[in-house]
């Protein structure tokens, strides 16, 4: 009887101790299944130890060496929102901002989508409904063919030889919707939002997107480029929003229907392009500055469900839903002799190193 009593007493004391002092990691799973979102206005961000992920740790240093040698400044990998890898190179650090270049097109597309869901703009309306007639140098019957959706999908049919977005340079090449061509004409969507009741684009972007998800950064607007600058972690925040299809925690930032449309083929001419998102896993693609059609996927050695924001000098946001992963790369051009507008050979090289590390 005494033995039984002592056993019960020991059992109760042990379990009380466990209840009062829970383990540091109450989730025993190596990869927590819940999606994590960092709080606003804090540097705190949950991490997941690389050794818990089953990664090949012998491949980590070769990846770091490659990134450093390719003029990288920041590189982040998120798994379910948690930081699995965060590295800075070449004088950069977590508080230094950098240019997004054309990767920032996705910010413009997202802001337009928010303005549409709030009733300020309509992708199926003419651009001239917002900017007035003669915003181009096209004949009026051709200008009237251009809808906001054509700007979202790079199918305006406007001259793409000059990156200077002035009325005199916006001349006719093809009817809207019949020709895909990567150009800076998309920036007219900034003017469309500003001309609507949404008001000043940057103020609207700050209130409805940037501040909602805790990004830092600022816009540098110009007639050639409108470029966003931020820290790598802010780029990662936007990537996390994209991984969760436009929802941050329990708040819908970008309408799911609009976001899901933005990561699908937006037209049949270049199926590897959505609403400013590049889409992997399609059967063919076109590149900026060319009308050549290439067969196969954008990045054959990357996951087929990957969608990406890509900018000049190899600014990258890779979103891979099947791996619950976001990857960020900021820096100078990997090849200074070829600072491409978007896709480059760097992507396939980088994914060789990533694939060696991640099963």
Protein backbone atom coordinates (compact mmCIF):
# COMPACT_ATOMS: atom_id res chain seq x y z
CA UNK A 1 0.00 0.00 0.00
CA UNK A 2 2.81 2.38 0.89
CA UNK A 3 4.50 1.63 -2.44
CA UNK A 4 1.32 2.45 -4.35
CA UNK A 5 0.89 5.70 -2.41
CA UNK A 6 4.47 6.79 -3.14
CA UNK A 7 4.03 5.99 -6.82
CA UNK A 8 0.88 8.11 -7.08
CA UNK A 9 2.49 10.99 -5.21
CA UNK A 10 5.53 10.93 -7.50
CA UNK A 11 3.29 10.79 -10.58
CA UNK A 12 1.25 13.82 -9.46
CA UNK A 13 4.30 15.88 -8.53
CA UNK A 14 5.95 15.14 -11.89
CA UNK A 15 2.90 16.15 -13.90
CA UNK A 16 2.32 19.28 -11.86
CA UNK A 17 5.93 20.24 -12.52
CA UNK A 18 5.43 19.74 -16.28
CA UNK A 19 2.29 21.89 -16.23
CA UNK A 20 3.97 24.70 -14.32
CA UNK A 21 7.10 24.58 -16.47
CA UNK A 22 6.13 23.82 -20.08
CA UNK A 23 8.98 22.97 -22.45
CA UNK A 24 10.65 25.76 -24.41
CA UNK A 25 9.31 24.28 -27.65
CA UNK A 26 5.78 22.99 -26.98
CA UNK A 27 5.47 21.92 -30.63
CA UNK A 28 7.62 18.80 -31.08
CA UNK A 29 7.22 18.84 -34.87
CA UNK A 30 10.45 19.79 -36.66
CA UNK A 31 8.49 22.03 -39.05
CA UNK A 32 5.58 23.78 -37.30
CA UNK A 33 2.49 23.40 -39.48
CA UNK A 34 0.92 26.72 -38.55
CA UNK A 35 1.68 29.76 -40.68
CA UNK A 36 3.57 32.39 -38.69
CA UNK A 37 3.34 36.15 -39.22
CA UNK A 38 5.81 38.53 -37.52
CA UNK A 39 4.32 41.38 -35.55
CA UNK A 40 4.53 44.93 -36.85
CA UNK A 41 7.06 47.42 -35.47
CA UNK A 42 9.41 44.80 -34.09
CA UNK A 43 12.61 43.07 -35.12
CA UNK A 44 11.43 39.84 -33.49
CA UNK A 45 10.83 37.06 -36.01
CA UNK A 46 10.47 33.37 -35.19
CA UNK A 47 13.09 31.06 -36.61
CA UNK A 48 13.21 27.36 -37.34
CA UNK A 49 16.59 25.63 -36.88
CA UNK A 50 17.96 24.38 -40.16
CA UNK A 51 18.93 21.06 -38.61
CA UNK A 52 15.25 20.45 -37.80
CA UNK A 53 14.29 20.66 -41.45
CA UNK A 54 16.22 17.69 -42.72
CA UNK A 55 18.32 19.88 -45.00
CA UNK A 56 21.77 18.93 -46.23
CA UNK A 57 23.83 21.22 -44.02
CA UNK A 58 26.96 20.39 -46.04
CA UNK A 59 25.44 22.35 -48.92
CA UNK A 60 24.89 25.54 -46.89
CA UNK A 61 28.39 26.95 -47.18
CA UNK A 62 28.64 26.38 -50.96
CA UNK A 63 25.35 28.30 -51.31
CA UNK A 64 26.68 31.16 -49.17
CA UNK A 65 29.89 31.27 -51.18
CA UNK A 66 27.95 31.36 -54.42
CA UNK A 67 25.70 34.17 -53.19
CA UNK A 68 28.66 36.24 -52.01
CA UNK A 69 30.51 35.74 -55.29
CA UNK A 70 27.40 36.74 -57.24
CA UNK A 71 27.17 40.20 -55.67
CA UNK A 72 24.31 39.29 -53.33
CA UNK A 73 23.48 41.64 -50.48
CA UNK A 74 20.65 39.79 -48.71
CA UNK A 75 19.25 36.27 -48.84
CA UNK A 76 16.35 34.94 -46.76
CA UNK A 77 14.45 31.65 -46.73
CA UNK A 78 11.13 31.43 -44.88
CA UNK A 79 9.43 28.12 -44.05
CA UNK A 80 5.79 28.62 -43.02
CA UNK A 81 6.72 32.22 -42.31
CA UNK A 82 9.63 31.38 -40.00
CA UNK A 83 13.19 32.29 -40.89
CA UNK A 84 15.23 29.23 -41.76
CA UNK A 85 18.13 31.13 -43.31
CA UNK A 86 19.06 34.81 -43.26
CA UNK A 87 22.38 35.99 -44.61
CA UNK A 88 23.87 39.38 -45.52
CA UNK A 89 26.88 40.03 -47.72
CA UNK A 90 29.09 42.75 -49.13
CA UNK A 91 28.47 45.41 -46.50
CA UNK A 92 24.68 44.94 -46.33
CA UNK A 93 22.74 44.26 -43.14
CA UNK A 94 19.21 43.76 -41.85
CA UNK A 95 18.53 47.50 -41.59
CA UNK A 96 19.87 48.52 -45.00
CA UNK A 97 17.33 49.22 -47.71
CA UNK A 98 17.76 48.20 -51.33
CA UNK A 99 15.95 48.61 -54.64
CA UNK A 100 13.26 46.16 -55.75
CA UNK A 101 13.43 47.28 -59.38
CA UNK A 102 10.79 45.45 -61.44
CA UNK A 103 10.00 43.10 -58.57
CA UNK A 104 8.09 46.14 -57.30
CA UNK A 105 5.61 45.74 -60.16
CA UNK A 106 3.86 43.22 -57.93
CA UNK A 107 3.34 45.98 -55.35
CA UNK A 108 1.67 48.12 -58.01
CA UNK A 109 -0.51 45.20 -59.14
CA UNK A 110 -1.46 44.39 -55.55
CA UNK A 111 -2.34 48.01 -54.79
CA UNK A 112 -4.47 48.19 -57.93
CA UNK A 113 -6.24 45.00 -56.80
CA UNK A 114 -6.98 46.52 -53.39
CA UNK A 115 -8.32 49.67 -55.06
CA UNK A 116 -10.52 47.51 -57.28
CA UNK A 117 -11.95 45.55 -54.37
CA UNK A 118 -12.77 48.86 -52.68
CA UNK A 119 -14.58 50.08 -55.79
CA UNK A 120 -12.16 52.82 -56.85
CA UNK A 121 -10.92 51.26 -60.10
CA UNK A 122 -12.00 48.55 -62.55
CA UNK A 123 -9.56 46.49 -64.60
CA UNK A 124 -12.16 46.11 -67.33
CA UNK A 125 -12.59 49.84 -67.85
CA UNK A 126 -10.63 51.95 -70.31
CA UNK A 127 -7.50 53.65 -69.04
CA UNK A 128 -8.83 56.87 -70.58
CA UNK A 129 -11.79 56.69 -68.19
CA UNK A 130 -9.27 57.62 -65.49
CA UNK A 131 -6.55 59.54 -67.33
CA UNK A 132 -8.68 61.28 -69.95
CA UNK A 133 -8.34 60.97 -73.71
CA UNK A 134 -5.01 61.52 -75.47
CA UNK A 135 -2.95 60.00 -72.68
CA UNK A 136 -1.14 58.27 -75.56
CA UNK A 137 -0.17 59.36 -79.08
CA UNK A 138 -2.29 56.63 -80.59
CA UNK A 139 -5.33 57.29 -82.77
CA UNK A 140 -8.27 57.69 -80.42
CA UNK A 141 -9.98 54.51 -81.67
CA UNK A 142 -6.85 52.53 -80.77
CA UNK A 143 -6.34 54.27 -77.43
CA UNK A 144 -9.91 53.40 -76.49
CA UNK A 145 -9.06 49.70 -76.84
CA UNK A 146 -6.62 49.85 -73.91
CA UNK A 147 -8.15 48.65 -70.66
CA UNK A 148 -6.52 48.67 -67.25
CA UNK A 149 -6.27 44.90 -67.60
CA UNK A 150 -3.99 45.34 -70.61
CA UNK A 151 -1.58 47.33 -68.42
CA UNK A 152 -1.74 44.59 -65.78
CA UNK A 153 -0.86 41.93 -68.36
CA UNK A 154 1.70 43.81 -70.53
CA UNK A 155 -0.61 43.66 -73.54
CA UNK A 156 -1.35 47.35 -74.16
CA UNK A 157 0.08 47.20 -77.69
CA UNK A 158 1.97 50.44 -77.07
CA UNK A 159 5.49 51.17 -78.24
CA UNK A 160 8.03 49.39 -76.04
CA UNK A 161 11.20 50.82 -77.60
CA UNK A 162 11.46 53.72 -75.18
CA UNK A 163 11.29 53.20 -71.44
CA UNK A 164 10.47 56.90 -70.96
CA UNK A 165 6.75 56.99 -70.22
CA UNK A 166 5.63 60.23 -71.83
CA UNK A 167 2.61 60.87 -74.01
CA UNK A 168 4.74 61.39 -77.11
CA UNK A 169 6.46 58.01 -76.67
CA UNK A 170 3.24 56.01 -76.24
CA UNK A 171 2.65 55.21 -79.88
CA UNK A 172 0.77 52.40 -81.60
CA UNK A 173 2.34 49.03 -82.43
CA UNK A 174 -0.60 46.63 -82.15
CA UNK A 175 -4.18 46.51 -80.95
CA UNK A 176 -4.47 46.09 -77.19
CA UNK A 177 -4.65 42.44 -76.19
CA UNK A 178 -2.91 41.09 -79.31
CA UNK A 179 0.76 41.54 -78.37
CA UNK A 180 2.67 40.82 -75.14
CA UNK A 181 5.58 43.14 -74.51
CA UNK A 182 7.37 43.85 -71.23
CA UNK A 183 7.70 47.60 -70.73
CA UNK A 184 7.32 50.45 -68.28
CA UNK A 185 3.87 51.40 -69.56
CA UNK A 186 2.52 49.50 -66.53
CA UNK A 187 3.39 52.60 -64.47
CA UNK A 188 0.27 54.25 -65.84
CA UNK A 189 -1.62 52.09 -63.31
CA UNK A 190 -0.05 54.27 -60.62
CA UNK A 191 -1.68 57.27 -62.30
CA UNK A 192 -4.96 55.37 -62.67
CA UNK A 193 -5.13 54.74 -58.90
CA UNK A 194 -4.09 58.33 -58.12
CA UNK A 195 -6.73 59.69 -60.50
CA UNK A 196 -9.48 57.66 -58.83
CA UNK A 197 -11.15 58.42 -55.53
CA UNK A 198 -8.47 56.29 -53.85
CA UNK A 199 -6.24 59.38 -54.03
CA UNK A 200 -2.46 59.65 -54.01
CA UNK A 201 -0.96 56.27 -54.91
CA UNK A 202 1.80 56.21 -52.29
CA UNK A 203 -0.53 57.29 -49.48
CA UNK A 204 -3.03 54.65 -50.54
CA UNK A 205 -0.33 51.98 -50.82
CA UNK A 206 0.99 52.86 -47.36
CA UNK A 207 -2.44 52.73 -45.74
CA UNK A 208 -3.79 49.60 -47.41
CA UNK A 209 -0.71 47.41 -47.87
CA UNK A 210 2.61 48.59 -46.45
CA UNK A 211 1.39 49.51 -42.96
CA UNK A 212 -1.00 46.57 -42.74
CA UNK A 213 1.81 44.00 -42.97
CA UNK A 214 4.53 45.99 -41.21
CA UNK A 215 6.76 46.79 -44.18
CA UNK A 216 9.27 49.60 -44.20
CA UNK A 217 10.47 51.32 -47.37
CA UNK A 218 9.62 54.10 -49.78
CA UNK A 219 8.87 54.78 -53.46
CA UNK A 220 11.15 56.68 -55.80
CA UNK A 221 8.83 57.78 -58.63
CA UNK A 222 10.14 58.76 -62.04
CA UNK A 223 9.26 58.96 -65.73
CA UNK A 224 11.52 56.01 -66.51
CA UNK A 225 11.22 53.82 -63.41
CA UNK A 226 9.12 53.90 -60.27
CA UNK A 227 11.19 51.89 -57.84
CA UNK A 228 10.46 50.70 -54.34
CA UNK A 229 13.25 50.45 -51.75
CA UNK A 230 13.10 48.49 -48.49
CA UNK A 231 14.95 46.11 -46.25
CA UNK A 232 15.11 42.43 -47.17
CA UNK A 233 12.80 41.55 -44.29
CA UNK A 234 10.13 43.85 -45.69
CA UNK A 235 10.44 42.10 -49.03
CA UNK A 236 10.05 38.85 -47.08
CA UNK A 237 6.88 40.19 -45.44
CA UNK A 238 5.36 40.81 -48.85
CA UNK A 239 6.47 37.35 -49.99
CA UNK A 240 4.74 35.87 -46.95
CA UNK A 241 1.55 37.76 -47.83
CA UNK A 242 1.81 36.29 -51.33
CA UNK A 243 2.34 32.79 -49.94
CA UNK A 244 -0.93 33.19 -48.00
CA UNK A 245 -2.72 34.42 -51.15
CA UNK A 246 -3.21 38.00 -49.95
CA UNK A 247 -4.22 37.37 -46.34
CA UNK A 248 -2.17 38.60 -43.36
CA UNK A 249 -3.05 36.77 -40.16
CA UNK A 250 -6.86 36.96 -40.14
CA UNK A 251 -7.15 40.04 -42.32
CA UNK A 252 -7.74 39.92 -46.05
CA UNK A 253 -5.40 42.50 -47.61
CA UNK A 254 -5.77 41.48 -51.25
CA UNK A 255 -9.01 39.87 -52.38
CA UNK A 256 -8.27 36.12 -52.78
CA UNK A 257 -10.08 35.99 -56.12
CA UNK A 258 -7.95 38.82 -57.50
CA UNK A 259 -4.75 37.38 -56.08
CA UNK A 260 -5.41 33.90 -57.43
CA UNK A 261 -6.08 35.42 -60.85
CA UNK A 262 -2.81 37.36 -60.62
CA UNK A 263 -0.77 34.14 -60.30
CA UNK A 264 -2.44 32.44 -63.26
CA UNK A 265 -1.62 32.91 -66.95
CA UNK A 266 -3.11 36.33 -67.69
CA UNK A 267 -3.24 35.82 -71.47
CA UNK A 268 -2.37 33.12 -74.01
CA UNK A 269 0.50 34.97 -75.68
CA UNK A 270 2.94 34.51 -72.78
CA UNK A 271 1.42 31.94 -70.40
CA UNK A 272 4.33 32.37 -67.98
CA UNK A 273 3.12 35.83 -66.98
CA UNK A 274 0.28 36.75 -64.63
CA UNK A 275 -0.44 40.19 -63.21
CA UNK A 276 3.24 41.15 -62.83
CA UNK A 277 4.05 37.72 -61.37
CA UNK A 278 6.29 35.35 -63.37
CA UNK A 279 4.94 31.80 -63.39
CA UNK A 280 7.03 28.66 -63.48
CA UNK A 281 5.89 25.30 -64.81
CA UNK A 282 4.27 26.51 -68.02
CA UNK A 283 4.99 25.11 -71.48
CA UNK A 284 6.47 28.28 -72.98
CA UNK A 285 7.57 31.80 -72.09
CA UNK A 286 8.74 35.12 -73.48
CA UNK A 287 11.39 37.43 -72.05
CA UNK A 288 11.63 41.20 -71.72
CA UNK A 289 12.82 43.06 -74.80
CA UNK A 290 12.04 40.24 -77.20
CA UNK A 291 9.18 38.73 -79.17
CA UNK A 292 10.87 35.32 -79.20
CA UNK A 293 8.90 32.42 -77.76
CA UNK A 294 10.86 29.81 -75.80
CA UNK A 295 9.60 26.30 -75.08
CA UNK A 296 9.64 24.90 -71.57
CA UNK A 297 9.46 26.32 -68.06
CA UNK A 298 11.07 29.55 -66.88
CA UNK A 299 13.28 27.78 -64.33
CA UNK A 300 13.22 24.06 -65.17
CA UNK A 301 15.07 23.00 -62.02
CA UNK A 302 12.77 24.97 -59.67
CA UNK A 303 9.40 23.73 -58.36
CA UNK A 304 6.71 23.93 -61.02
CA UNK A 305 4.28 25.78 -58.72
CA UNK A 306 6.76 28.62 -58.11
CA UNK A 307 5.62 32.16 -58.84
CA UNK A 308 8.07 35.01 -58.62
CA UNK A 309 8.55 38.75 -58.55
CA UNK A 310 11.66 39.49 -60.59
CA UNK A 311 13.57 42.71 -61.03
CA UNK A 312 16.68 44.00 -62.73
CA UNK A 313 20.00 43.05 -61.13
CA UNK A 314 18.42 39.80 -59.97
CA UNK A 315 16.08 41.08 -57.28
CA UNK A 316 13.91 38.08 -56.46
CA UNK A 317 10.88 36.96 -54.48
CA UNK A 318 10.28 33.25 -55.05
CA UNK A 319 7.04 31.87 -53.60
CA UNK A 320 6.70 28.07 -53.53
CA UNK A 321 3.38 26.92 -52.02
CA UNK A 322 4.23 23.19 -52.23
CA UNK A 323 7.19 23.78 -49.92
CA UNK A 324 5.47 26.50 -47.83
CA UNK A 325 8.51 28.55 -48.72
CA UNK A 326 9.47 32.13 -49.60
CA UNK A 327 12.97 32.98 -50.82
CA UNK A 328 14.35 36.52 -51.06
CA UNK A 329 17.44 37.67 -52.93
CA UNK A 330 18.59 41.30 -53.06
CA UNK A 331 21.80 42.67 -54.48
CA UNK A 332 23.76 43.89 -57.44
CA UNK A 333 23.52 42.01 -60.73
CA UNK A 334 24.95 38.51 -60.51
CA UNK A 335 26.56 39.25 -63.88
CA UNK A 336 27.42 42.97 -64.09
CA UNK A 337 27.83 42.61 -67.87
CA UNK A 338 24.20 41.54 -68.19
CA UNK A 339 22.00 43.32 -65.63
CA UNK A 340 18.78 41.96 -67.14
CA UNK A 341 15.32 43.40 -66.51
CA UNK A 342 13.95 40.15 -65.11
CA UNK A 343 14.80 36.50 -65.75
CA UNK A 344 18.47 35.58 -66.12
CA UNK A 345 20.71 32.51 -66.05
CA UNK A 346 21.27 33.30 -62.39
CA UNK A 347 17.94 31.69 -61.48
CA UNK A 348 18.85 28.21 -62.71
CA UNK A 349 22.31 28.43 -61.14
CA UNK A 350 20.88 29.53 -57.82
CA UNK A 351 18.33 26.73 -57.81
CA UNK A 352 21.09 24.18 -58.33
CA UNK A 353 22.54 25.30 -55.00
CA UNK A 354 19.15 25.49 -53.30
CA UNK A 355 18.23 22.00 -54.51
CA UNK A 356 21.49 20.63 -53.14
CA UNK A 357 20.52 21.96 -49.71
CA UNK A 358 16.78 21.41 -49.60
CA UNK A 359 15.30 17.94 -50.30
